Amino acid sequence: MEIILLTDIAGVGYKNDIVTVKAGYGRNYLIPQGFALLANESNRKIVAENVRQAAHKAEKLKKDAEDIATAIGDLVIDIKTVVGESGRIFGRVTNTQVADSLKAKGFDIDRKKITVDDVKSIGSYSALIDLHKEVKHKVTLNVVAAED
């Protein structure tokens, strides 16, 4: 089933993309929730016109995302967490913790746009920030033991 996405959906596509999904996923979830439209001829024309008009705005968003990526640069974020005697952490390092650390450094980035590698012990890891569909940036996380 071909649909036109109205919002960015992780693992499926970005806004205004025409994608093929399983019929049940499109009919029972994406379309009723307002995340997508059926990709018929009239909807394609409407979306094509909207895309044409929004091209200038999209270029500005991409430039803003590139500016943020440049400002972040090679930033290293220290994440303090509770650690056992063997060096393994309790719980996990979440994208919310990374977003809070970035906010403390002056970068307001939505936690849903941050993907953190699987962190099992203290050390250095990376997180991927999806700033724009064409701009992704890696940030180094330094996971350290919290001091009691």
C-alpha atoms as a PDB file:
ATOM      1  CA  MET A   1       0.000   0.000   0.000  1.00  0.00           C
ATOM      2  CA  GLU A   2       1.441   3.376  -0.986  1.00  0.00           C
ATOM      3  CA  ILE A   3       0.924   6.281   1.397  1.00  0.00           C
ATOM      4  CA  ILE A   4       2.087   9.873   1.734  1.00  0.00           C
ATOM      5  CA  LEU A   5       3.535  10.646   5.157  1.00  0.00           C
ATOM      6  CA  LEU A   6       2.274  13.794   6.892  1.00  0.00           C
ATOM      7  CA  THR A   7       4.882  13.633   9.684  1.00  0.00           C
ATOM      8  CA  ASP A   8       8.341  12.141  10.177  1.00  0.00           C
ATOM      9  CA  ILE A   9       8.023   8.528  11.362  1.00  0.00           C
ATOM     10  CA  ALA A  10      11.135   6.692  12.555  1.00  0.00           C
ATOM     11  CA  GLY A  11      11.913   3.634  10.477  1.00  0.00           C
ATOM     12  CA  VAL A  12       9.330   4.534   7.803  1.00  0.00           C
ATOM     13  CA  GLY A  13      10.238   7.899   6.299  1.00  0.00           C
ATOM     14  CA  TYR A  14      10.008  11.645   6.443  1.00  0.00           C
ATOM     15  CA  LYS A  15       7.193  14.130   5.906  1.00  0.00           C
ATOM     16  CA  ASN A  16       5.818  14.221   2.319  1.00  0.00           C
ATOM     17  CA  ASP A  17       7.634  10.999   1.332  1.00  0.00           C
ATOM     18  CA  ILE A  18       5.662   8.473  -0.666  1.00  0.00           C
ATOM     19  CA  VAL A  19       6.409   5.110   0.927  1.00  0.00           C
ATOM     20  CA  THR A  20       5.127   1.568   0.665  1.00  0.00           C
ATOM     21  CA  VAL A  21       3.906  -0.007   3.896  1.00  0.00           C
ATOM     22  CA  LYS A  22       1.928  -3.100   4.744  1.00  0.00           C
ATOM     23  CA  ALA A  23      -1.779  -2.567   4.204  1.00  0.00           C
ATOM     24  CA  GLY A  24      -2.762  -3.167   7.838  1.00  0.00           C
ATOM     25  CA  TYR A  25      -0.153  -0.740   9.192  1.00  0.00           C
ATOM     26  CA  GLY A  26      -1.315   1.981   6.834  1.00  0.00           C
ATOM     27  CA  ARG A  27      -5.058   1.379   7.091  1.00  0.00           C
ATOM     28  CA  ASN A  28      -5.276   0.644  10.828  1.00  0.00           C
ATOM     29  CA  TYR A  29      -2.636   2.960  12.290  1.00  0.00           C
ATOM     30  CA  LEU A  30      -1.024   5.590  10.041  1.00  0.00           C
ATOM     31  CA  ILE A  31      -4.115   6.893   8.241  1.00  0.00           C
ATOM     32  CA  PRO A  32      -6.538   6.929  11.247  1.00  0.00           C
ATOM     33  CA  GLN A  33      -3.929   8.649  13.469  1.00  0.00           C
ATOM     34  CA  GLY A  34      -3.464  11.361  10.834  1.00  0.00           C
ATOM     35  CA  PHE A  35       0.152  10.413  10.143  1.00  0.00           C
ATOM     36  CA  ALA A  36      -0.454   9.593   6.458  1.00  0.00           C
ATOM     37  CA  LEU A  37      -2.736   9.935   3.446  1.00  0.00           C
ATOM     38  CA  LEU A  38      -3.564   7.368   0.800  1.00  0.00           C
ATOM     39  CA  ALA A  39      -1.276   8.028  -2.195  1.00  0.00           C
ATOM     40  CA  ASN A  40      -3.945   8.547  -4.862  1.00  0.00           C
ATOM     41  CA  GLU A  41      -3.549  10.946  -7.793  1.00  0.00           C
ATOM     42  CA  SER A  42      -5.266  13.965  -6.193  1.00  0.00           C
ATOM     43  CA  ASN A  43      -3.319  13.641  -2.925  1.00  0.00           C
ATOM     44  CA  ARG A  44      -0.064  13.336  -4.900  1.00  0.00           C
ATOM     45  CA  LYS A  45      -0.824  16.611  -6.719  1.00  0.00           C
ATOM     46  CA  ILE A  46      -1.665  18.397  -3.477  1.00  0.00           C
ATOM     47  CA  VAL A  47       1.535  17.184  -1.802  1.00  0.00           C
ATOM     48  CA  ALA A  48       3.640  18.069  -4.869  1.00  0.00           C
ATOM     49  CA  GLU A  49       2.295  21.637  -4.748  1.00  0.00           C
ATOM     50  CA  ASN A  50       2.928  21.870  -0.995  1.00  0.00           C
ATOM     51  CA  VAL A  51       6.479  20.566  -1.461  1.00  0.00           C
ATOM     52  CA  ARG A  52       7.149  23.105  -4.209  1.00  0.00           C
ATOM     53  CA  GLN A  53       5.955  25.957  -2.001  1.00  0.00           C
ATOM     54  CA  ALA A  54       7.865  24.714   1.041  1.00  0.00           C
ATOM     55  CA  ALA A  55      11.207  24.243  -0.752  1.00  0.00           C
ATOM     56  CA  HIS A  56      12.550  27.591   0.424  1.00  0.00           C
ATOM     57  CA  LYS A  57      11.527  26.940   4.024  1.00  0.00           C
ATOM     58  CA  ALA A  58      13.105  23.458   3.917  1.00  0.00           C
ATOM     59  CA  GLU A  59      16.380  24.938   2.709  1.00  0.00           C
ATOM     60  CA  LYS A  60      16.414  27.295   5.691  1.00  0.00           C
ATOM     61  CA  LEU A  61      15.691  24.410   8.102  1.00  0.00           C
ATOM     62  CA  LYS A  62      18.566  22.422   6.606  1.00  0.00           C
ATOM     63  CA  LYS A  63      20.920  25.389   6.964  1.00  0.00           C
ATOM     64  CA  ASP A  64      19.831  25.841  10.609  1.00  0.00           C
ATOM     65  CA  ALA A  65      20.477  22.126  11.255  1.00  0.00           C
ATOM     66  CA  GLU A  66      23.926  22.402   9.671  1.00  0.00           C
ATOM     67  CA  ASP A  67      24.672  25.446  11.844  1.00  0.00           C
ATOM     68  CA  ILE A  68      23.680  23.503  14.977  1.00  0.00           C
ATOM     69  CA  ALA A  69      25.859  20.550  13.890  1.00  0.00           C
ATOM     70  CA  THR A  70      28.790  22.922  13.348  1.00  0.00           C
ATOM     71  CA  ALA A  71      28.214  24.554  16.736  1.00  0.00           C
ATOM     72  CA  ILE A  72      28.112  21.179  18.475  1.00  0.00           C
ATOM     73  CA  GLY A  73      31.263  20.118  16.630  1.00  0.00           C
ATOM     74  CA  ASP A  74      33.371  17.563  18.509  1.00  0.00           C
ATOM     75  CA  LEU A  75      31.564  18.099  21.796  1.00  0.00           C
ATOM     76  CA  VAL A  76      32.167  15.459  24.476  1.00  0.00           C
ATOM     77  CA  ILE A  77      29.332  15.012  26.951  1.00  0.00           C
ATOM     78  CA  ASP A  78      29.975  13.604  30.427  1.00  0.00           C
ATOM     79  CA  ILE A  79      27.135  11.377  31.650  1.00  0.00           C
ATOM     80  CA  LYS A  80      27.277  10.500  35.346  1.00  0.00           C
ATOM     81  CA  THR A  81      25.655   7.217  36.308  1.00  0.00           C
ATOM     82  CA  VAL A  82      25.619   4.701  39.140  1.00  0.00           C
ATOM     83  CA  VAL A  83      28.213   1.973  38.585  1.00  0.00           C
ATOM     84  CA  GLY A  84      28.744  -1.399  40.249  1.00  0.00           C
ATOM     85  CA  GLU A  85      32.091  -2.725  41.442  1.00  0.00           C
ATOM     86  CA  SER A  86      32.765  -4.457  38.103  1.00  0.00           C
ATOM     87  CA  GLY A  87      32.395  -1.209  36.161  1.00  0.00           C
ATOM     88  CA  ARG A  88      28.980  -2.092  34.728  1.00  0.00           C
ATOM     89  CA  ILE A  89      26.288   0.538  35.013  1.00  0.00           C
ATOM     90  CA  PHE A  90      22.919   0.121  36.696  1.00  0.00           C
ATOM     91  CA  GLY A  91      20.088   0.849  34.283  1.00  0.00           C
ATOM     92  CA  ARG A  92      21.067   2.493  31.047  1.00  0.00           C
ATOM     93  CA  VAL A  93      22.089   5.793  29.520  1.00  0.00           C
ATOM     94  CA  THR A  94      19.016   7.221  27.810  1.00  0.00           C
ATOM     95  CA  ASN A  95      18.460   9.783  25.112  1.00  0.00           C
ATOM     96  CA  THR A  96      16.750  11.961  27.751  1.00  0.00           C
ATOM     97  CA  GLN A  97      19.993  12.153  29.730  1.00  0.00           C
ATOM     98  CA  VAL A  98      21.880  13.135  26.574  1.00  0.00           C
ATOM     99  CA  ALA A  99      19.246  15.764  25.699  1.00  0.00           C
ATOM    100  CA  ASP A 100      19.458  17.223  29.232  1.00  0.00           C
ATOM    101  CA  SER A 101      23.263  17.381  29.011  1.00  0.00           C
ATOM    102  CA  LEU A 102      23.050  19.102  25.622  1.00  0.00           C
ATOM    103  CA  LYS A 103      20.494  21.561  27.028  1.00  0.00           C
ATOM    104  CA  ALA A 104      22.892  22.372  29.890  1.00  0.00           C
ATOM    105  CA  LYS A 105      25.511  23.242  27.259  1.00  0.00           C
ATOM    106  CA  GLY A 106      23.070  25.468  25.359  1.00  0.00           C
ATOM    107  CA  PHE A 107      21.689  23.131  22.669  1.00  0.00           C
ATOM    108  CA  ASP A 108      17.933  22.516  22.808  1.00  0.00           C
ATOM    109  CA  ILE A 109      17.471  19.223  20.929  1.00  0.00           C
ATOM    110  CA  ASP A 110      14.410  16.998  21.169  1.00  0.00           C
ATOM    111  CA  ARG A 111      15.166  13.677  22.873  1.00  0.00           C
ATOM    112  CA  LYS A 112      13.323  11.785  20.110  1.00  0.00           C
ATOM    113  CA  LYS A 113      15.986  12.868  17.636  1.00  0.00           C
ATOM    114  CA  ILE A 114      18.815  11.291  19.664  1.00  0.00           C
ATOM    115  CA  THR A 115      19.879   7.663  19.295  1.00  0.00           C
ATOM    116  CA  VAL A 116      22.262   6.287  21.943  1.00  0.00           C
ATOM    117  CA  ASP A 117      24.438   3.209  21.446  1.00  0.00           C
ATOM    118  CA  ASP A 118      23.935   0.342  23.889  1.00  0.00           C
ATOM    119  CA  VAL A 119      25.914   1.400  26.966  1.00  0.00           C
ATOM    120  CA  LYS A 120      26.819  -1.382  29.405  1.00  0.00           C
ATOM    121  CA  SER A 121      29.811  -0.012  31.318  1.00  0.00           C
ATOM    122  CA  ILE A 122      31.773   3.165  31.907  1.00  0.00           C
ATOM    123  CA  GLY A 123      33.784   4.440  28.967  1.00  0.00           C
ATOM    124  CA  SER A 124      33.406   6.356  25.747  1.00  0.00           C
ATOM    125  CA  TYR A 125      30.392   5.846  23.454  1.00  0.00           C
ATOM    126  CA  SER A 126      28.662   7.737  20.691  1.00  0.00           C
ATOM    127  CA  ALA A 127      25.173   9.111  20.144  1.00  0.00           C
ATOM    128  CA  LEU A 128      23.641  10.056  16.798  1.00  0.00           C
ATOM    129  CA  ILE A 129      21.584  13.246  16.580  1.00  0.00           C
ATOM    130  CA  ASP A 130      19.125  13.426  13.680  1.00  0.00           C
ATOM    131  CA  LEU A 131      18.922  17.190  13.150  1.00  0.00           C
ATOM    132  CA  HIS A 132      17.388  17.026   9.655  1.00  0.00           C
ATOM    133  CA  LYS A 133      16.707  14.255   7.184  1.00  0.00           C
ATOM    134  CA  GLU A 134      19.990  15.139   5.461  1.00  0.00           C
ATOM    135  CA  VAL A 135      21.955  16.309   8.525  1.00  0.00           C
ATOM    136  CA  LYS A 136      23.012  13.799  11.161  1.00  0.00           C
ATOM    137  CA  HIS A 137      25.716  14.448  13.746  1.00  0.00           C
ATOM    138  CA  LYS A 138      27.667  12.177  16.099  1.00  0.00           C
ATOM    139  CA  VAL A 139      28.408  13.237  19.656  1.00  0.00           C
ATOM    140  CA  THR A 140      30.854  11.476  21.973  1.00  0.00           C
ATOM    141  CA  LEU A 141      29.497  10.399  25.357  1.00  0.00           C
ATOM    142  CA  ASN A 142      31.902   9.886  28.232  1.00  0.00           C
ATOM    143  CA  VAL A 143      30.095   7.671  30.753  1.00  0.00           C
ATOM    144  CA  VAL A 144      31.601   8.132  34.213  1.00  0.00           C
ATOM    145  CA  ALA A 145      30.766   6.914  37.697  1.00  0.00           C
ATOM    146  CA  ALA A 146      28.624   9.248  39.780  1.00  0.00           C
ATOM    147  CA  GLU A 147      30.274  10.293  42.979  1.00  0.00           C
ATOM    148  CA  ASP A 148      28.359   9.431  46.119  1.00  0.00           C
END
